[in-house]
């Protein structure tokens, strides 16, 4: 699954993805950018 990295300004494959649930109950995926190490986040089911 890919997410947009704001530091690299490009779409990157999510490294170490974790399924999380937002306060409103929507599913999301959180992980780390493999290039710069910044947290990346994508809303929606994977």
C-alpha atoms as a PDB file:
ATOM      1  CA  UNK A   1       0.000   0.000   0.000  1.00  0.00           C
ATOM      2  CA  UNK A   2       1.234   3.468  -0.849  1.00  0.00           C
ATOM      3  CA  UNK A   3       0.886   6.744   1.022  1.00  0.00           C
ATOM      4  CA  UNK A   4       2.004  10.285   0.220  1.00  0.00           C
ATOM      5  CA  UNK A   5       5.156  11.377   2.074  1.00  0.00           C
ATOM      6  CA  UNK A   6       5.068  15.129   2.689  1.00  0.00           C
ATOM      7  CA  UNK A   7       8.821  15.318   3.314  1.00  0.00           C
ATOM      8  CA  UNK A   8       9.796  13.497   0.079  1.00  0.00           C
ATOM      9  CA  UNK A   9       6.797  14.968  -1.793  1.00  0.00           C
ATOM     10  CA  UNK A  10       6.157  11.635  -3.479  1.00  0.00           C
ATOM     11  CA  UNK A  11       4.085   8.468  -3.034  1.00  0.00           C
ATOM     12  CA  UNK A  12       6.014   5.782  -1.171  1.00  0.00           C
ATOM     13  CA  UNK A  13       5.318   2.194  -0.146  1.00  0.00           C
ATOM     14  CA  UNK A  14       4.371   2.069   3.547  1.00  0.00           C
ATOM     15  CA  UNK A  15       7.019   0.346   5.665  1.00  0.00           C
ATOM     16  CA  UNK A  16       5.857  -1.389   8.891  1.00  0.00           C
ATOM     17  CA  UNK A  17       2.137  -0.737   8.248  1.00  0.00           C
ATOM     18  CA  UNK A  18      -0.277  -0.801  11.187  1.00  0.00           C
ATOM     19  CA  UNK A  19      -4.062  -0.796  11.020  1.00  0.00           C
ATOM     20  CA  UNK A  20      -5.541   1.981  13.164  1.00  0.00           C
ATOM     21  CA  UNK A  21      -9.069   3.286  13.745  1.00  0.00           C
ATOM     22  CA  UNK A  22      -9.817   6.990  13.815  1.00  0.00           C
ATOM     23  CA  UNK A  23     -12.017   8.598  16.468  1.00  0.00           C
ATOM     24  CA  UNK A  24     -14.969   8.611  14.081  1.00  0.00           C
ATOM     25  CA  UNK A  25     -14.581   4.859  13.454  1.00  0.00           C
ATOM     26  CA  UNK A  26     -13.004   5.014   9.995  1.00  0.00           C
ATOM     27  CA  UNK A  27     -10.129   2.609   9.288  1.00  0.00           C
ATOM     28  CA  UNK A  28      -6.657   3.915   8.405  1.00  0.00           C
ATOM     29  CA  UNK A  29      -3.109   2.679   7.877  1.00  0.00           C
ATOM     30  CA  UNK A  30      -0.082   4.225   9.555  1.00  0.00           C
ATOM     31  CA  UNK A  31       3.577   3.475   8.886  1.00  0.00           C
ATOM     32  CA  UNK A  32       7.002   4.863   8.015  1.00  0.00           C
ATOM     33  CA  UNK A  33       8.492   6.185   4.772  1.00  0.00           C
ATOM     34  CA  UNK A  34      11.327   3.832   3.706  1.00  0.00           C
ATOM     35  CA  UNK A  35      13.399   6.693   2.244  1.00  0.00           C
ATOM     36  CA  UNK A  36      13.348   9.447   4.893  1.00  0.00           C
ATOM     37  CA  UNK A  37      11.836   7.721   7.946  1.00  0.00           C
ATOM     38  CA  UNK A  38       8.928  10.159   8.336  1.00  0.00           C
ATOM     39  CA  UNK A  39       5.539   8.904   9.540  1.00  0.00           C
ATOM     40  CA  UNK A  40       3.075   8.376   6.688  1.00  0.00           C
ATOM     41  CA  UNK A  41      -0.671   7.927   7.023  1.00  0.00           C
ATOM     42  CA  UNK A  42      -3.467   6.809   4.720  1.00  0.00           C
ATOM     43  CA  UNK A  43      -7.178   6.886   5.467  1.00  0.00           C
ATOM     44  CA  UNK A  44      -9.237   3.997   4.151  1.00  0.00           C
ATOM     45  CA  UNK A  45      -9.236   0.230   4.224  1.00  0.00           C
ATOM     46  CA  UNK A  46      -6.131  -1.473   2.854  1.00  0.00           C
END
